[in-house]
Amino acid sequence: MVALGHRRYFLLLMGGLIGSSWLTLWLWAESPYGRWLDHGQWTEIGFAASLCRAVPAGEWVLPALLYSGGWLLMSAAMMLPTALPLLDIFDRLTADRVDHRRLMTLVISGYLAVWGAFGLLAHALDHLLHSAATDSAWLTTNGWIAGTAVLALAGAFQFSALKYHCLDKCRTPLSFVMEHWRGYAQHWNALKLGLRHGAFCVGCCWAIMLIMFVVGTGSVGWMLALGAMMAIEKNMPWGRKLTPWLGAGLLGWAAVIAIPHLSGIAT
């Protein structure tokens, strides 16, 4: 009964964390500051622009802080549900320890830290692409190429050996915990467990997450759709069968966008 009560408490706590992340994202997206969640040039106008000019290196520091905050919220909402099996196992494994909450916090922090680092890198690359498009009339006119390339890359990656290797690691949480959880320096090892699982999760899902830059990083609807697909892939017994179908769908989507443009160029 104690174990059952503890598990209910854990699921309630994780549900609250994930639910509050989704609620915050939705409220943010619907607010007048919704553009801050996207990757547009919101620092050029309003209060954010004034703050950027007032803070040393503000044109880089403030966007990085706001982008990372938005991306961490997105990661908590979209990716923590995919990691619930591992977190549940680790929770039960360490339930009797006096430092249980700290260990759980370290695992979650390590997991989200990896996704946060990936988000900053993705935003930096996206910023460079937008800067290049601003300076190039050809890129501005042919912006569809970048979106099509991301969709095609995400689709092709679904068939790669790296995708399946990382997916298999994510789909066997008990084996993963037994492999990486050590009995010494447990706080450090809890953090490393989260970092390692986050790394495999990024290795599995990075290409699908890049689609957010095509459909809009502030789109809560697309977050829900892509998050659900990744959760099914990783957690459902039949999820592995979804992987090639998802890849084919993304390649088809890229073709639907590219063919009319290429036909227009040919004629």
C-alpha atoms as a PDB file:
ATOM      1  CA  MET A   1       0.000   0.000   0.000  1.00  0.00           C
ATOM      2  CA  VAL A   2       2.874   2.380   0.806  1.00  0.00           C
ATOM      3  CA  ALA A   3       4.510   1.654  -2.552  1.00  0.00           C
ATOM      4  CA  LEU A   4       1.205   2.166  -4.373  1.00  0.00           C
ATOM      5  CA  GLY A   5       0.618   5.451  -2.573  1.00  0.00           C
ATOM      6  CA  HIS A   6       4.146   6.609  -3.386  1.00  0.00           C
ATOM      7  CA  ARG A   7       3.689   5.756  -7.080  1.00  0.00           C
ATOM      8  CA  ARG A   8       0.414   7.687  -7.194  1.00  0.00           C
ATOM      9  CA  TYR A   9       2.177  10.649  -5.596  1.00  0.00           C
ATOM     10  CA  PHE A  10       4.968  10.414  -8.192  1.00  0.00           C
ATOM     11  CA  LEU A  11       2.544  10.271 -11.119  1.00  0.00           C
ATOM     12  CA  LEU A  12       0.550  13.174  -9.674  1.00  0.00           C
ATOM     13  CA  LEU A  13       3.731  15.220  -9.237  1.00  0.00           C
ATOM     14  CA  MET A  14       4.983  14.480 -12.759  1.00  0.00           C
ATOM     15  CA  GLY A  15       1.528  15.124 -14.179  1.00  0.00           C
ATOM     16  CA  GLY A  16       1.482  18.476 -12.426  1.00  0.00           C
ATOM     17  CA  LEU A  17       4.928  19.388 -13.765  1.00  0.00           C
ATOM     18  CA  ILE A  18       4.080  18.395 -17.327  1.00  0.00           C
ATOM     19  CA  GLY A  19       0.594  19.920 -17.155  1.00  0.00           C
ATOM     20  CA  SER A  20       1.878  23.221 -15.787  1.00  0.00           C
ATOM     21  CA  SER A  21       4.465  23.335 -18.593  1.00  0.00           C
ATOM     22  CA  TRP A  22       1.731  22.902 -21.209  1.00  0.00           C
ATOM     23  CA  LEU A  23      -0.478  25.482 -19.507  1.00  0.00           C
ATOM     24  CA  THR A  24       2.367  28.007 -19.328  1.00  0.00           C
ATOM     25  CA  LEU A  25       3.208  27.453 -22.996  1.00  0.00           C
ATOM     26  CA  TRP A  26      -0.430  27.930 -24.005  1.00  0.00           C
ATOM     27  CA  LEU A  27      -0.855  31.093 -21.924  1.00  0.00           C
ATOM     28  CA  TRP A  28       2.440  32.440 -23.257  1.00  0.00           C
ATOM     29  CA  ALA A  29       1.492  31.694 -26.879  1.00  0.00           C
ATOM     30  CA  GLU A  30      -1.925  33.378 -26.455  1.00  0.00           C
ATOM     31  CA  SER A  31      -0.540  36.447 -24.685  1.00  0.00           C
ATOM     32  CA  PRO A  32       0.699  39.678 -26.326  1.00  0.00           C
ATOM     33  CA  TYR A  33       4.200  38.300 -25.731  1.00  0.00           C
ATOM     34  CA  GLY A  34       3.575  35.170 -27.815  1.00  0.00           C
ATOM     35  CA  ARG A  35       6.190  36.245 -30.351  1.00  0.00           C
ATOM     36  CA  TRP A  36       8.836  35.756 -27.644  1.00  0.00           C
ATOM     37  CA  LEU A  37       8.144  32.028 -27.798  1.00  0.00           C
ATOM     38  CA  ASP A  38       8.745  31.966 -31.533  1.00  0.00           C
ATOM     39  CA  HIS A  39      12.017  32.575 -33.347  1.00  0.00           C
ATOM     40  CA  GLY A  40      11.100  35.843 -35.052  1.00  0.00           C
ATOM     41  CA  GLN A  41      12.982  39.124 -34.662  1.00  0.00           C
ATOM     42  CA  TRP A  42      11.028  40.148 -31.569  1.00  0.00           C
ATOM     43  CA  THR A  43      14.067  41.879 -30.020  1.00  0.00           C
ATOM     44  CA  GLU A  44      13.842  44.628 -32.639  1.00  0.00           C
ATOM     45  CA  ILE A  45      10.667  46.183 -31.176  1.00  0.00           C
ATOM     46  CA  GLY A  46       9.126  47.108 -27.838  1.00  0.00           C
ATOM     47  CA  PHE A  47      10.458  46.560 -24.337  1.00  0.00           C
ATOM     48  CA  ALA A  48      12.696  43.638 -25.323  1.00  0.00           C
ATOM     49  CA  ALA A  49      14.514  45.796 -27.867  1.00  0.00           C
ATOM     50  CA  SER A  50      15.101  48.519 -25.242  1.00  0.00           C
ATOM     51  CA  LEU A  51      16.423  45.953 -22.793  1.00  0.00           C
ATOM     52  CA  CYS A  52      18.729  44.466 -25.426  1.00  0.00           C
ATOM     53  CA  ARG A  53      20.264  47.894 -25.987  1.00  0.00           C
ATOM     54  CA  ALA A  54      20.630  48.562 -22.251  1.00  0.00           C
ATOM     55  CA  VAL A  55      22.325  45.272 -21.282  1.00  0.00           C
ATOM     56  CA  PRO A  56      25.954  44.630 -22.368  1.00  0.00           C
ATOM     57  CA  ALA A  57      25.860  42.185 -25.282  1.00  0.00           C
ATOM     58  CA  GLY A  58      22.091  42.244 -24.790  1.00  0.00           C
ATOM     59  CA  GLU A  59      21.366  41.478 -28.430  1.00  0.00           C
ATOM     60  CA  TRP A  60      22.835  38.011 -27.725  1.00  0.00           C
ATOM     61  CA  VAL A  61      22.311  37.488 -23.984  1.00  0.00           C
ATOM     62  CA  LEU A  62      18.610  38.339 -23.695  1.00  0.00           C
ATOM     63  CA  PRO A  63      17.469  36.286 -26.708  1.00  0.00           C
ATOM     64  CA  ALA A  64      19.540  33.344 -25.449  1.00  0.00           C
ATOM     65  CA  LEU A  65      17.918  33.529 -22.005  1.00  0.00           C
ATOM     66  CA  LEU A  66      14.370  33.850 -23.356  1.00  0.00           C
ATOM     67  CA  TYR A  67      14.871  31.244 -26.051  1.00  0.00           C
ATOM     68  CA  SER A  68      16.375  28.781 -23.562  1.00  0.00           C
ATOM     69  CA  GLY A  69      13.529  29.415 -21.110  1.00  0.00           C
ATOM     70  CA  GLY A  70      10.935  28.811 -23.811  1.00  0.00           C
ATOM     71  CA  TRP A  71      12.765  25.751 -25.101  1.00  0.00           C
ATOM     72  CA  LEU A  72      13.074  24.246 -21.606  1.00  0.00           C
ATOM     73  CA  LEU A  73       9.334  24.711 -21.130  1.00  0.00           C
ATOM     74  CA  MET A  74       8.776  23.049 -24.487  1.00  0.00           C
ATOM     75  CA  SER A  75      11.154  20.207 -23.558  1.00  0.00           C
ATOM     76  CA  ALA A  76       9.412  19.654 -20.229  1.00  0.00           C
ATOM     77  CA  ALA A  77       6.013  19.578 -21.932  1.00  0.00           C
ATOM     78  CA  MET A  78       6.982  17.461 -24.943  1.00  0.00           C
ATOM     79  CA  MET A  79       9.840  15.247 -23.762  1.00  0.00           C
ATOM     80  CA  LEU A  80       9.227  14.496 -20.066  1.00  0.00           C
ATOM     81  CA  PRO A  81       6.190  12.361 -21.001  1.00  0.00           C
ATOM     82  CA  THR A  82       8.488  10.270 -23.208  1.00  0.00           C
ATOM     83  CA  ALA A  83      10.873   9.789 -20.265  1.00  0.00           C
ATOM     84  CA  LEU A  84       8.197   8.828 -17.717  1.00  0.00           C
ATOM     85  CA  PRO A  85       8.993   5.065 -17.762  1.00  0.00           C
ATOM     86  CA  LEU A  86      12.629   5.691 -16.808  1.00  0.00           C
ATOM     87  CA  LEU A  87      11.701   8.300 -14.202  1.00  0.00           C
ATOM     88  CA  ASP A  88       9.116   5.935 -12.726  1.00  0.00           C
ATOM     89  CA  ILE A  89      11.698   3.137 -12.416  1.00  0.00           C
ATOM     90  CA  PHE A  90      14.275   5.439 -10.853  1.00  0.00           C
ATOM     91  CA  ASP A  91      11.644   6.845  -8.490  1.00  0.00           C
ATOM     92  CA  ARG A  92      10.753   3.375  -7.200  1.00  0.00           C
ATOM     93  CA  LEU A  93      14.412   2.343  -7.000  1.00  0.00           C
ATOM     94  CA  THR A  94      15.337   5.295  -4.767  1.00  0.00           C
ATOM     95  CA  ALA A  95      12.022   5.730  -2.922  1.00  0.00           C
ATOM     96  CA  ASP A  96      13.433   4.690   0.486  1.00  0.00           C
ATOM     97  CA  ARG A  97      16.423   7.044   0.408  1.00  0.00           C
ATOM     98  CA  VAL A  98      16.378  10.214   2.491  1.00  0.00           C
ATOM     99  CA  ASP A  99      17.780  12.150  -0.479  1.00  0.00           C
ATOM    100  CA  HIS A 100      15.177  10.733  -2.865  1.00  0.00           C
ATOM    101  CA  ARG A 101      13.802  14.101  -3.969  1.00  0.00           C
ATOM    102  CA  ARG A 102      17.270  15.458  -4.645  1.00  0.00           C
ATOM    103  CA  LEU A 103      18.155  12.417  -6.732  1.00  0.00           C
ATOM    104  CA  MET A 104      14.968  12.746  -8.770  1.00  0.00           C
ATOM    105  CA  THR A 105      15.616  16.457  -9.267  1.00  0.00           C
ATOM    106  CA  LEU A 106      19.136  15.722 -10.502  1.00  0.00           C
ATOM    107  CA  VAL A 107      17.943  13.116 -13.009  1.00  0.00           C
ATOM    108  CA  ILE A 108      15.288  15.457 -14.409  1.00  0.00           C
ATOM    109  CA  SER A 109      17.719  18.402 -14.428  1.00  0.00           C
ATOM    110  CA  GLY A 110      20.324  16.401 -16.337  1.00  0.00           C
ATOM    111  CA  TYR A 111      17.726  15.258 -18.857  1.00  0.00           C
ATOM    112  CA  LEU A 112      16.397  18.774 -19.479  1.00  0.00           C
ATOM    113  CA  ALA A 113      19.926  20.247 -19.556  1.00  0.00           C
ATOM    114  CA  VAL A 114      20.765  18.176 -22.625  1.00  0.00           C
ATOM    115  CA  TRP A 115      17.583  19.283 -24.356  1.00  0.00           C
ATOM    116  CA  GLY A 116      18.306  22.867 -23.326  1.00  0.00           C
ATOM    117  CA  ALA A 117      21.775  22.704 -24.907  1.00  0.00           C
ATOM    118  CA  PHE A 118      20.307  21.229 -28.079  1.00  0.00           C
ATOM    119  CA  GLY A 119      17.684  23.989 -28.156  1.00  0.00           C
ATOM    120  CA  LEU A 120      20.276  26.754 -27.892  1.00  0.00           C
ATOM    121  CA  LEU A 121      22.299  25.201 -30.717  1.00  0.00           C
ATOM    122  CA  ALA A 122      19.195  24.825 -32.880  1.00  0.00           C
ATOM    123  CA  HIS A 123      18.156  28.424 -32.209  1.00  0.00           C
ATOM    124  CA  ALA A 124      21.682  29.643 -33.057  1.00  0.00           C
ATOM    125  CA  LEU A 125      21.621  27.794 -36.384  1.00  0.00           C
ATOM    126  CA  ASP A 126      18.127  29.105 -37.073  1.00  0.00           C
ATOM    127  CA  HIS A 127      19.312  32.657 -36.343  1.00  0.00           C
ATOM    128  CA  LEU A 128      22.222  32.251 -38.748  1.00  0.00           C
ATOM    129  CA  LEU A 129      19.856  30.961 -41.439  1.00  0.00           C
ATOM    130  CA  HIS A 130      17.496  33.909 -40.955  1.00  0.00           C
ATOM    131  CA  SER A 131      20.446  36.319 -41.078  1.00  0.00           C
ATOM    132  CA  ALA A 132      21.659  34.724 -44.307  1.00  0.00           C
ATOM    133  CA  ALA A 133      18.148  34.977 -45.773  1.00  0.00           C
ATOM    134  CA  THR A 134      17.986  38.674 -44.853  1.00  0.00           C
ATOM    135  CA  ASP A 135      21.203  39.320 -46.785  1.00  0.00           C
ATOM    136  CA  SER A 136      20.224  37.173 -49.767  1.00  0.00           C
ATOM    137  CA  ALA A 137      17.312  37.962 -52.037  1.00  0.00           C
ATOM    138  CA  TRP A 138      17.514  34.440 -53.490  1.00  0.00           C
ATOM    139  CA  LEU A 139      17.159  32.792 -50.049  1.00  0.00           C
ATOM    140  CA  THR A 140      14.285  35.109 -49.177  1.00  0.00           C
ATOM    141  CA  THR A 141      12.472  34.189 -52.375  1.00  0.00           C
ATOM    142  CA  ASN A 142      13.225  30.476 -52.000  1.00  0.00           C
ATOM    143  CA  GLY A 143      12.656  30.070 -48.270  1.00  0.00           C
ATOM    144  CA  TRP A 144      10.679  26.888 -48.990  1.00  0.00           C
ATOM    145  CA  ILE A 145      13.979  25.087 -49.623  1.00  0.00           C
ATOM    146  CA  ALA A 146      15.035  25.259 -45.949  1.00  0.00           C
ATOM    147  CA  GLY A 147      11.685  23.965 -44.717  1.00  0.00           C
ATOM    148  CA  THR A 148      11.640  21.156 -47.283  1.00  0.00           C
ATOM    149  CA  ALA A 149      15.219  20.198 -46.395  1.00  0.00           C
ATOM    150  CA  VAL A 150      14.353  19.932 -42.677  1.00  0.00           C
ATOM    151  CA  LEU A 151      11.311  17.756 -43.402  1.00  0.00           C
ATOM    152  CA  ALA A 152      13.302  15.528 -45.770  1.00  0.00           C
ATOM    153  CA  LEU A 153      16.134  15.241 -43.238  1.00  0.00           C
ATOM    154  CA  ALA A 154      13.709  14.316 -40.460  1.00  0.00           C
ATOM    155  CA  GLY A 155      12.045  11.745 -42.709  1.00  0.00           C
ATOM    156  CA  ALA A 156      15.310  10.163 -43.853  1.00  0.00           C
ATOM    157  CA  PHE A 157      16.639  10.031 -40.280  1.00  0.00           C
ATOM    158  CA  GLN A 158      13.707   7.804 -39.297  1.00  0.00           C
ATOM    159  CA  PHE A 159      15.340   5.022 -41.337  1.00  0.00           C
ATOM    160  CA  SER A 160      18.888   5.480 -39.984  1.00  0.00           C
ATOM    161  CA  ALA A 161      20.812   3.058 -37.764  1.00  0.00           C
ATOM    162  CA  LEU A 162      21.474   5.862 -35.247  1.00  0.00           C
ATOM    163  CA  LYS A 163      17.737   6.468 -34.888  1.00  0.00           C
ATOM    164  CA  TYR A 164      17.038   2.820 -34.090  1.00  0.00           C
ATOM    165  CA  HIS A 165      20.031   2.514 -31.744  1.00  0.00           C
ATOM    166  CA  CYS A 166      18.941   5.514 -29.678  1.00  0.00           C
ATOM    167  CA  LEU A 167      15.285   4.478 -29.847  1.00  0.00           C
ATOM    168  CA  ASP A 168      16.127   1.011 -28.484  1.00  0.00           C
ATOM    169  CA  LYS A 169      17.991   2.623 -25.559  1.00  0.00           C
ATOM    170  CA  CYS A 170      14.972   4.797 -24.796  1.00  0.00           C
ATOM    171  CA  ARG A 171      12.549   1.853 -25.059  1.00  0.00           C
ATOM    172  CA  THR A 172      14.388  -0.218 -22.411  1.00  0.00           C
ATOM    173  CA  PRO A 173      14.384   2.084 -19.347  1.00  0.00           C
ATOM    174  CA  LEU A 174      14.989  -0.679 -16.777  1.00  0.00           C
ATOM    175  CA  SER A 175      18.097  -1.917 -18.595  1.00  0.00           C
ATOM    176  CA  PHE A 176      19.251   1.682 -19.004  1.00  0.00           C
ATOM    177  CA  VAL A 177      18.952   2.421 -15.276  1.00  0.00           C
ATOM    178  CA  MET A 178      20.682  -0.853 -14.332  1.00  0.00           C
ATOM    179  CA  GLU A 179      23.501  -0.083 -16.775  1.00  0.00           C
ATOM    180  CA  HIS A 180      24.162   3.496 -15.690  1.00  0.00           C
ATOM    181  CA  TRP A 181      23.070   3.763 -12.041  1.00  0.00           C
ATOM    182  CA  ARG A 182      26.013   3.201  -9.701  1.00  0.00           C
ATOM    183  CA  GLY A 183      26.206   2.818  -5.919  1.00  0.00           C
ATOM    184  CA  TYR A 184      28.921   5.435  -5.405  1.00  0.00           C
ATOM    185  CA  ALA A 185      28.805   9.248  -5.719  1.00  0.00           C
ATOM    186  CA  GLN A 186      25.074   8.846  -6.167  1.00  0.00           C
ATOM    187  CA  HIS A 187      24.204  12.515  -6.618  1.00  0.00           C
ATOM    188  CA  TRP A 188      26.725  12.826  -9.424  1.00  0.00           C
ATOM    189  CA  ASN A 189      25.572   9.527 -10.910  1.00  0.00           C
ATOM    190  CA  ALA A 190      21.927  10.626 -10.783  1.00  0.00           C
ATOM    191  CA  LEU A 191      22.851  13.718 -12.771  1.00  0.00           C
ATOM    192  CA  LYS A 192      24.862  11.609 -15.240  1.00  0.00           C
ATOM    193  CA  LEU A 193      21.941   9.215 -15.613  1.00  0.00           C
ATOM    194  CA  GLY A 194      19.726  12.131 -16.657  1.00  0.00           C
ATOM    195  CA  LEU A 195      22.410  13.508 -18.976  1.00  0.00           C
ATOM    196  CA  ARG A 196      22.955  10.147 -20.649  1.00  0.00           C
ATOM    197  CA  HIS A 197      19.269   9.443 -21.092  1.00  0.00           C
ATOM    198  CA  GLY A 198      18.812  12.968 -22.429  1.00  0.00           C
ATOM    199  CA  ALA A 199      21.640  12.395 -24.920  1.00  0.00           C
ATOM    200  CA  PHE A 200      20.030   9.216 -26.260  1.00  0.00           C
ATOM    201  CA  CYS A 201      16.647  10.961 -26.338  1.00  0.00           C
ATOM    202  CA  VAL A 202      18.117  13.829 -28.366  1.00  0.00           C
ATOM    203  CA  GLY A 203      19.821  11.267 -30.598  1.00  0.00           C
ATOM    204  CA  CYS A 204      16.437   9.653 -31.173  1.00  0.00           C
ATOM    205  CA  CYS A 205      14.252  12.735 -31.577  1.00  0.00           C
ATOM    206  CA  TRP A 206      16.424  15.689 -32.663  1.00  0.00           C
ATOM    207  CA  ALA A 207      15.293  15.613 -36.285  1.00  0.00           C
ATOM    208  CA  ILE A 208      11.595  15.581 -35.370  1.00  0.00           C
ATOM    209  CA  MET A 209      12.145  18.455 -32.939  1.00  0.00           C
ATOM    210  CA  LEU A 210      13.698  20.516 -35.747  1.00  0.00           C
ATOM    211  CA  ILE A 211      10.304  20.407 -37.468  1.00  0.00           C
ATOM    212  CA  MET A 212       9.184  22.935 -34.832  1.00  0.00           C
ATOM    213  CA  PHE A 213      11.330  25.496 -36.673  1.00  0.00           C
ATOM    214  CA  VAL A 214       9.360  24.774 -39.851  1.00  0.00           C
ATOM    215  CA  VAL A 215       5.847  24.920 -38.372  1.00  0.00           C
ATOM    216  CA  GLY A 216       6.658  27.581 -35.740  1.00  0.00           C
ATOM    217  CA  THR A 217       8.235  27.078 -32.315  1.00  0.00           C
ATOM    218  CA  GLY A 218       5.323  28.898 -30.715  1.00  0.00           C
ATOM    219  CA  SER A 219       2.663  26.537 -32.079  1.00  0.00           C
ATOM    220  CA  VAL A 220       1.210  24.637 -29.108  1.00  0.00           C
ATOM    221  CA  GLY A 221      -0.871  22.461 -31.438  1.00  0.00           C
ATOM    222  CA  TRP A 222       2.204  21.207 -33.271  1.00  0.00           C
ATOM    223  CA  MET A 223       3.997  20.684 -29.951  1.00  0.00           C
ATOM    224  CA  LEU A 224       1.149  18.403 -28.865  1.00  0.00           C
ATOM    225  CA  ALA A 225       1.156  16.493 -32.149  1.00  0.00           C
ATOM    226  CA  LEU A 226       4.915  15.960 -32.345  1.00  0.00           C
ATOM    227  CA  GLY A 227       5.189  15.237 -28.612  1.00  0.00           C
ATOM    228  CA  ALA A 228       2.472  12.584 -28.909  1.00  0.00           C
ATOM    229  CA  MET A 229       4.241  10.936 -31.839  1.00  0.00           C
ATOM    230  CA  MET A 230       7.549  10.789 -29.969  1.00  0.00           C
ATOM    231  CA  ALA A 231       5.866   9.455 -26.825  1.00  0.00           C
ATOM    232  CA  ILE A 232       4.171   6.694 -28.840  1.00  0.00           C
ATOM    233  CA  GLU A 233       7.424   5.824 -30.605  1.00  0.00           C
ATOM    234  CA  LYS A 234       9.299   5.424 -27.331  1.00  0.00           C
ATOM    235  CA  ASN A 235       6.707   4.067 -24.909  1.00  0.00           C
ATOM    236  CA  MET A 236       4.019   2.066 -26.699  1.00  0.00           C
ATOM    237  CA  PRO A 237       4.635  -1.661 -27.391  1.00  0.00           C
ATOM    238  CA  TRP A 238       3.927  -1.079 -31.084  1.00  0.00           C
ATOM    239  CA  GLY A 239       5.681   2.302 -31.170  1.00  0.00           C
ATOM    240  CA  ARG A 240       8.718   1.044 -33.066  1.00  0.00           C
ATOM    241  CA  LYS A 241       6.451   0.171 -35.997  1.00  0.00           C
ATOM    242  CA  LEU A 242       5.418   3.822 -36.228  1.00  0.00           C
ATOM    243  CA  THR A 243       8.990   4.952 -36.985  1.00  0.00           C
ATOM    244  CA  PRO A 244       9.195   4.046 -40.707  1.00  0.00           C
ATOM    245  CA  TRP A 245       5.630   5.225 -41.350  1.00  0.00           C
ATOM    246  CA  LEU A 246       6.442   8.548 -39.761  1.00  0.00           C
ATOM    247  CA  GLY A 247       9.587   8.756 -41.901  1.00  0.00           C
ATOM    248  CA  ALA A 248       7.601   8.037 -45.072  1.00  0.00           C
ATOM    249  CA  GLY A 249       5.026  10.651 -44.099  1.00  0.00           C
ATOM    250  CA  LEU A 250       7.670  13.326 -43.566  1.00  0.00           C
ATOM    251  CA  LEU A 251       9.379  12.508 -46.882  1.00  0.00           C
ATOM    252  CA  GLY A 252       5.982  12.701 -48.579  1.00  0.00           C
ATOM    253  CA  TRP A 253       5.308  16.068 -46.920  1.00  0.00           C
ATOM    254  CA  ALA A 254       8.647  17.369 -48.200  1.00  0.00           C
ATOM    255  CA  ALA A 255       7.806  16.130 -51.700  1.00  0.00           C
ATOM    256  CA  VAL A 256       4.386  17.816 -51.652  1.00  0.00           C
ATOM    257  CA  ILE A 257       6.092  21.150 -50.900  1.00  0.00           C
ATOM    258  CA  ALA A 258       9.026  20.698 -53.285  1.00  0.00           C
ATOM    259  CA  ILE A 259       7.354  19.326 -56.429  1.00  0.00           C
ATOM    260  CA  PRO A 260       5.195  22.421 -57.272  1.00  0.00           C
ATOM    261  CA  HIS A 261       8.195  24.717 -56.773  1.00  0.00           C
ATOM    262  CA  LEU A 262      10.497  22.530 -58.848  1.00  0.00           C
ATOM    263  CA  SER A 263       7.858  22.204 -61.556  1.00  0.00           C
ATOM    264  CA  GLY A 264       7.580  25.980 -61.660  1.00  0.00           C
ATOM    265  CA  ILE A 265      11.349  26.308 -62.030  1.00  0.00           C
ATOM    266  CA  ALA A 266      11.399  23.685 -64.820  1.00  0.00           C
ATOM    267  CA  THR A 267       8.742  25.515 -66.808  1.00  0.00           C
END
